[in-house]
């Protein structure tokens, strides 16, 4: 399995674990903490922890006009899986299949990053990029992610970073 597929596979595990829980995260049995706009989840078999949030604002446009679209869960997360050597892996699911070969633009305050896409998931190219993004998120106030669907819809999702540092540090501590 290639690096890209491994990263996508790990996020697929998280997506399955979270299916149906983030919108009502307070009802989930595996949510272990809430830190302002971020939640912390923990699983024991296999051992994995993640900090996660959903957008505060979303704008969907096609050909410059605002459009209504149907999307599944739209989540920004940082994932830890000690048995898999995963520490602080950033992931974003846009709630739709991204345009093939596209990237998602991530802007944290004044810093910009590109996330590579596969299916409904986007993530940084390397663990070094993950670390840079996590550090920027700890300093930042908002993260804005812009992606394009296979149907040509442009999505712009704004995430609050209030509580991010506490949530990601908690997830890291639980799975270190």
C-alpha atoms as a PDB file:
ATOM      1  CA  UNK A   1       0.000   0.000   0.000  1.00  0.00           C
ATOM      2  CA  UNK A   2       1.450   3.382  -1.001  1.00  0.00           C
ATOM      3  CA  UNK A   3       1.858   6.330   1.347  1.00  0.00           C
ATOM      4  CA  UNK A   4      -1.172   8.110  -0.124  1.00  0.00           C
ATOM      5  CA  UNK A   5      -3.379   5.044   0.234  1.00  0.00           C
ATOM      6  CA  UNK A   6      -2.127   4.405   3.770  1.00  0.00           C
ATOM      7  CA  UNK A   7      -3.024   7.956   4.821  1.00  0.00           C
ATOM      8  CA  UNK A   8      -6.435   7.677   3.118  1.00  0.00           C
ATOM      9  CA  UNK A   9      -7.017   4.280   4.740  1.00  0.00           C
ATOM     10  CA  UNK A  10      -6.305   5.654   8.207  1.00  0.00           C
ATOM     11  CA  UNK A  11      -8.764   8.472   7.658  1.00  0.00           C
ATOM     12  CA  UNK A  12     -11.318   5.956   6.414  1.00  0.00           C
ATOM     13  CA  UNK A  13     -11.057   4.194   9.780  1.00  0.00           C
ATOM     14  CA  UNK A  14     -11.683   7.489  11.559  1.00  0.00           C
ATOM     15  CA  UNK A  15     -14.630   8.305   9.300  1.00  0.00           C
ATOM     16  CA  UNK A  16     -16.242   4.961  10.078  1.00  0.00           C
ATOM     17  CA  UNK A  17     -15.669   5.420  13.802  1.00  0.00           C
ATOM     18  CA  UNK A  18     -17.220   8.872  13.669  1.00  0.00           C
ATOM     19  CA  UNK A  19     -20.109   8.166  11.300  1.00  0.00           C
ATOM     20  CA  UNK A  20     -23.223   9.728  12.720  1.00  0.00           C
ATOM     21  CA  UNK A  21     -21.528  11.050  15.851  1.00  0.00           C
ATOM     22  CA  UNK A  22     -19.995  14.442  15.151  1.00  0.00           C
ATOM     23  CA  UNK A  23     -23.203  16.343  14.465  1.00  0.00           C
ATOM     24  CA  UNK A  24     -24.388  15.175  17.861  1.00  0.00           C
ATOM     25  CA  UNK A  25     -20.995  14.503  19.392  1.00  0.00           C
ATOM     26  CA  UNK A  26     -22.307  15.006  22.919  1.00  0.00           C
ATOM     27  CA  UNK A  27     -24.273  11.747  22.421  1.00  0.00           C
ATOM     28  CA  UNK A  28     -21.283   9.707  21.234  1.00  0.00           C
ATOM     29  CA  UNK A  29     -19.940   7.091  23.603  1.00  0.00           C
ATOM     30  CA  UNK A  30     -16.346   7.641  22.468  1.00  0.00           C
ATOM     31  CA  UNK A  31     -16.171  11.424  22.910  1.00  0.00           C
ATOM     32  CA  UNK A  32     -13.950  11.999  25.935  1.00  0.00           C
ATOM     33  CA  UNK A  33     -13.643  15.792  26.042  1.00  0.00           C
ATOM     34  CA  UNK A  34     -14.986  19.033  24.601  1.00  0.00           C
ATOM     35  CA  UNK A  35     -12.659  22.021  24.297  1.00  0.00           C
ATOM     36  CA  UNK A  36     -14.645  25.080  23.123  1.00  0.00           C
ATOM     37  CA  UNK A  37     -15.152  24.405  19.369  1.00  0.00           C
ATOM     38  CA  UNK A  38     -13.199  21.122  19.308  1.00  0.00           C
ATOM     39  CA  UNK A  39     -13.961  17.634  20.598  1.00  0.00           C
ATOM     40  CA  UNK A  40     -11.658  14.768  21.544  1.00  0.00           C
ATOM     41  CA  UNK A  41     -12.477  11.149  20.715  1.00  0.00           C
ATOM     42  CA  UNK A  42     -10.693   8.030  21.905  1.00  0.00           C
ATOM     43  CA  UNK A  43     -10.905   4.380  20.872  1.00  0.00           C
ATOM     44  CA  UNK A  44      -9.124   1.511  22.580  1.00  0.00           C
ATOM     45  CA  UNK A  45      -9.107  -1.251  19.948  1.00  0.00           C
ATOM     46  CA  UNK A  46      -7.158  -0.251  17.980  1.00  0.00           C
ATOM     47  CA  UNK A  47      -5.738   2.533  20.119  1.00  0.00           C
ATOM     48  CA  UNK A  48      -6.509   5.870  18.436  1.00  0.00           C
ATOM     49  CA  UNK A  49      -7.383   9.404  19.474  1.00  0.00           C
ATOM     50  CA  UNK A  50      -8.343  12.487  17.526  1.00  0.00           C
ATOM     51  CA  UNK A  51      -9.295  16.122  17.942  1.00  0.00           C
ATOM     52  CA  UNK A  52     -12.084  17.152  15.581  1.00  0.00           C
ATOM     53  CA  UNK A  53     -14.312  20.071  14.681  1.00  0.00           C
ATOM     54  CA  UNK A  54     -16.908  20.947  12.094  1.00  0.00           C
ATOM     55  CA  UNK A  55     -17.125  24.230  10.228  1.00  0.00           C
ATOM     56  CA  UNK A  56     -18.627  27.403  11.646  1.00  0.00           C
ATOM     57  CA  UNK A  57     -19.430  28.805   8.209  1.00  0.00           C
ATOM     58  CA  UNK A  58     -19.674  27.263   4.751  1.00  0.00           C
ATOM     59  CA  UNK A  59     -20.167  28.909   1.359  1.00  0.00           C
ATOM     60  CA  UNK A  60     -20.789  26.800  -1.732  1.00  0.00           C
ATOM     61  CA  UNK A  61     -20.579  28.378  -5.185  1.00  0.00           C
ATOM     62  CA  UNK A  62     -20.770  27.266  -8.798  1.00  0.00           C
ATOM     63  CA  UNK A  63     -19.834  29.642 -11.618  1.00  0.00           C
ATOM     64  CA  UNK A  64     -19.616  32.444  -9.046  1.00  0.00           C
ATOM     65  CA  UNK A  65     -23.179  32.004  -7.747  1.00  0.00           C
ATOM     66  CA  UNK A  66     -24.033  30.698  -4.277  1.00  0.00           C
ATOM     67  CA  UNK A  67     -25.713  27.293  -4.534  1.00  0.00           C
ATOM     68  CA  UNK A  68     -27.305  24.858  -2.110  1.00  0.00           C
ATOM     69  CA  UNK A  69     -25.552  21.489  -2.058  1.00  0.00           C
ATOM     70  CA  UNK A  70     -25.930  18.248  -0.161  1.00  0.00           C
ATOM     71  CA  UNK A  71     -22.835  17.214   1.741  1.00  0.00           C
ATOM     72  CA  UNK A  72     -22.132  14.598   4.345  1.00  0.00           C
ATOM     73  CA  UNK A  73     -20.052  15.432   7.426  1.00  0.00           C
ATOM     74  CA  UNK A  74     -17.440  18.123   6.902  1.00  0.00           C
ATOM     75  CA  UNK A  75     -14.673  17.655   9.454  1.00  0.00           C
ATOM     76  CA  UNK A  76     -11.207  18.953  10.235  1.00  0.00           C
ATOM     77  CA  UNK A  77      -9.186  16.685  12.518  1.00  0.00           C
ATOM     78  CA  UNK A  78      -5.819  15.742  13.921  1.00  0.00           C
ATOM     79  CA  UNK A  79      -5.320  12.030  14.444  1.00  0.00           C
ATOM     80  CA  UNK A  80      -3.051   9.892  16.680  1.00  0.00           C
ATOM     81  CA  UNK A  81      -2.593   6.132  16.380  1.00  0.00           C
ATOM     82  CA  UNK A  82       0.421   4.954  18.401  1.00  0.00           C
ATOM     83  CA  UNK A  83       0.487   1.378  17.058  1.00  0.00           C
ATOM     84  CA  UNK A  84       0.581   2.740  13.502  1.00  0.00           C
ATOM     85  CA  UNK A  85       3.226   5.372  14.223  1.00  0.00           C
ATOM     86  CA  UNK A  86       0.731   8.147  13.483  1.00  0.00           C
ATOM     87  CA  UNK A  87       1.309  11.316  15.491  1.00  0.00           C
ATOM     88  CA  UNK A  88      -0.531  14.536  14.703  1.00  0.00           C
ATOM     89  CA  UNK A  89      -1.832  13.638  11.242  1.00  0.00           C
ATOM     90  CA  UNK A  90      -4.056  16.395   9.821  1.00  0.00           C
ATOM     91  CA  UNK A  91      -7.094  15.372   7.820  1.00  0.00           C
ATOM     92  CA  UNK A  92     -10.090  17.062   6.232  1.00  0.00           C
ATOM     93  CA  UNK A  93     -13.193  15.479   4.811  1.00  0.00           C
ATOM     94  CA  UNK A  94     -15.238  17.820   2.651  1.00  0.00           C
ATOM     95  CA  UNK A  95     -18.433  15.784   2.650  1.00  0.00           C
ATOM     96  CA  UNK A  96     -18.264  15.118  -1.109  1.00  0.00           C
ATOM     97  CA  UNK A  97     -15.806  13.595  -3.596  1.00  0.00           C
ATOM     98  CA  UNK A  98     -13.156  16.152  -4.497  1.00  0.00           C
ATOM     99  CA  UNK A  99     -12.332  16.824  -8.134  1.00  0.00           C
ATOM    100  CA  UNK A 100      -9.826  14.204  -9.274  1.00  0.00           C
ATOM    101  CA  UNK A 101      -6.239  15.433  -9.025  1.00  0.00           C
ATOM    102  CA  UNK A 102      -7.214  18.586  -7.156  1.00  0.00           C
ATOM    103  CA  UNK A 103      -5.854  20.067  -3.965  1.00  0.00           C
ATOM    104  CA  UNK A 104      -7.606  21.746  -1.057  1.00  0.00           C
ATOM    105  CA  UNK A 105      -6.248  25.131  -0.061  1.00  0.00           C
ATOM    106  CA  UNK A 106      -5.897  25.585   3.688  1.00  0.00           C
ATOM    107  CA  UNK A 107      -5.331  29.060   5.089  1.00  0.00           C
ATOM    108  CA  UNK A 108      -4.625  29.519   8.780  1.00  0.00           C
ATOM    109  CA  UNK A 109      -4.708  33.235   9.448  1.00  0.00           C
ATOM    110  CA  UNK A 110      -1.990  34.448   6.996  1.00  0.00           C
ATOM    111  CA  UNK A 111      -0.293  31.078   6.321  1.00  0.00           C
ATOM    112  CA  UNK A 112      -1.325  28.891   3.365  1.00  0.00           C
ATOM    113  CA  UNK A 113      -0.941  25.149   2.747  1.00  0.00           C
ATOM    114  CA  UNK A 114      -2.029  22.675   0.078  1.00  0.00           C
ATOM    115  CA  UNK A 115      -3.725  19.420   1.003  1.00  0.00           C
ATOM    116  CA  UNK A 116      -3.788  16.564  -1.481  1.00  0.00           C
ATOM    117  CA  UNK A 117      -7.091  14.834  -2.176  1.00  0.00           C
ATOM    118  CA  UNK A 118      -8.370  11.332  -2.717  1.00  0.00           C
ATOM    119  CA  UNK A 119     -12.091  10.678  -2.741  1.00  0.00           C
ATOM    120  CA  UNK A 120     -13.684  12.733   0.052  1.00  0.00           C
ATOM    121  CA  UNK A 121     -10.433  13.181   2.008  1.00  0.00           C
ATOM    122  CA  UNK A 122      -7.594  15.710   1.935  1.00  0.00           C
ATOM    123  CA  UNK A 123      -4.337  15.742   3.902  1.00  0.00           C
ATOM    124  CA  UNK A 124      -0.817  17.201   3.847  1.00  0.00           C
ATOM    125  CA  UNK A 125       1.891  15.461   1.815  1.00  0.00           C
ATOM    126  CA  UNK A 126       4.141  14.552   4.744  1.00  0.00           C
ATOM    127  CA  UNK A 127       4.474  14.256   8.497  1.00  0.00           C
ATOM    128  CA  UNK A 128       6.631  17.418   8.417  1.00  0.00           C
ATOM    129  CA  UNK A 129       3.757  19.282   6.769  1.00  0.00           C
ATOM    130  CA  UNK A 130       1.382  17.894   9.404  1.00  0.00           C
ATOM    131  CA  UNK A 131       3.632  19.301  12.150  1.00  0.00           C
ATOM    132  CA  UNK A 132       3.825  22.739  10.472  1.00  0.00           C
ATOM    133  CA  UNK A 133       0.035  22.871  10.092  1.00  0.00           C
ATOM    134  CA  UNK A 134      -0.616  21.772  13.687  1.00  0.00           C
ATOM    135  CA  UNK A 135       1.802  24.454  14.931  1.00  0.00           C
ATOM    136  CA  UNK A 136       0.044  27.089  12.803  1.00  0.00           C
ATOM    137  CA  UNK A 137      -3.360  25.923  14.050  1.00  0.00           C
ATOM    138  CA  UNK A 138      -2.162  26.288  17.653  1.00  0.00           C
ATOM    139  CA  UNK A 139      -1.219  29.919  16.928  1.00  0.00           C
ATOM    140  CA  UNK A 140      -4.199  30.691  14.720  1.00  0.00           C
ATOM    141  CA  UNK A 141      -7.777  31.866  15.133  1.00  0.00           C
ATOM    142  CA  UNK A 142      -9.415  30.355  12.038  1.00  0.00           C
ATOM    143  CA  UNK A 143      -8.699  27.804   9.333  1.00  0.00           C
ATOM    144  CA  UNK A 144     -10.342  28.260   5.940  1.00  0.00           C
ATOM    145  CA  UNK A 145     -10.396  25.275   3.596  1.00  0.00           C
ATOM    146  CA  UNK A 146     -11.317  25.696  -0.068  1.00  0.00           C
ATOM    147  CA  UNK A 147     -11.953  22.705  -2.300  1.00  0.00           C
ATOM    148  CA  UNK A 148     -13.653  21.764  -5.555  1.00  0.00           C
ATOM    149  CA  UNK A 149     -16.062  18.910  -6.106  1.00  0.00           C
ATOM    150  CA  UNK A 150     -16.133  16.642  -9.113  1.00  0.00           C
ATOM    151  CA  UNK A 151     -19.277  18.537 -10.178  1.00  0.00           C
ATOM    152  CA  UNK A 152     -17.487  21.875 -10.189  1.00  0.00           C
ATOM    153  CA  UNK A 153     -18.787  23.254  -6.903  1.00  0.00           C
ATOM    154  CA  UNK A 154     -16.340  25.394  -4.957  1.00  0.00           C
ATOM    155  CA  UNK A 155     -16.646  25.016  -1.192  1.00  0.00           C
ATOM    156  CA  UNK A 156     -15.181  27.360   1.389  1.00  0.00           C
ATOM    157  CA  UNK A 157     -15.394  26.105   4.955  1.00  0.00           C
ATOM    158  CA  UNK A 158     -14.310  28.218   7.925  1.00  0.00           C
ATOM    159  CA  UNK A 159     -13.304  26.446  11.129  1.00  0.00           C
ATOM    160  CA  UNK A 160     -12.798  28.103  14.503  1.00  0.00           C
ATOM    161  CA  UNK A 161      -9.534  27.214  16.216  1.00  0.00           C
ATOM    162  CA  UNK A 162     -10.852  28.119  19.687  1.00  0.00           C
ATOM    163  CA  UNK A 163     -10.008  25.152  21.893  1.00  0.00           C
ATOM    164  CA  UNK A 164      -7.797  23.508  19.263  1.00  0.00           C
ATOM    165  CA  UNK A 165      -4.592  23.537  21.330  1.00  0.00           C
ATOM    166  CA  UNK A 166      -6.301  22.027  24.381  1.00  0.00           C
ATOM    167  CA  UNK A 167      -8.061  19.387  22.260  1.00  0.00           C
ATOM    168  CA  UNK A 168      -5.015  18.329  20.231  1.00  0.00           C
ATOM    169  CA  UNK A 169      -2.792  18.229  23.318  1.00  0.00           C
ATOM    170  CA  UNK A 170      -5.426  16.100  25.092  1.00  0.00           C
ATOM    171  CA  UNK A 171      -5.685  13.667  22.135  1.00  0.00           C
ATOM    172  CA  UNK A 172      -1.894  13.422  21.955  1.00  0.00           C
ATOM    173  CA  UNK A 173      -1.606  12.786  25.707  1.00  0.00           C
ATOM    174  CA  UNK A 174      -4.267  10.075  25.609  1.00  0.00           C
ATOM    175  CA  UNK A 175      -2.527   8.223  22.780  1.00  0.00           C
ATOM    176  CA  UNK A 176       1.141   8.779  23.629  1.00  0.00           C
END
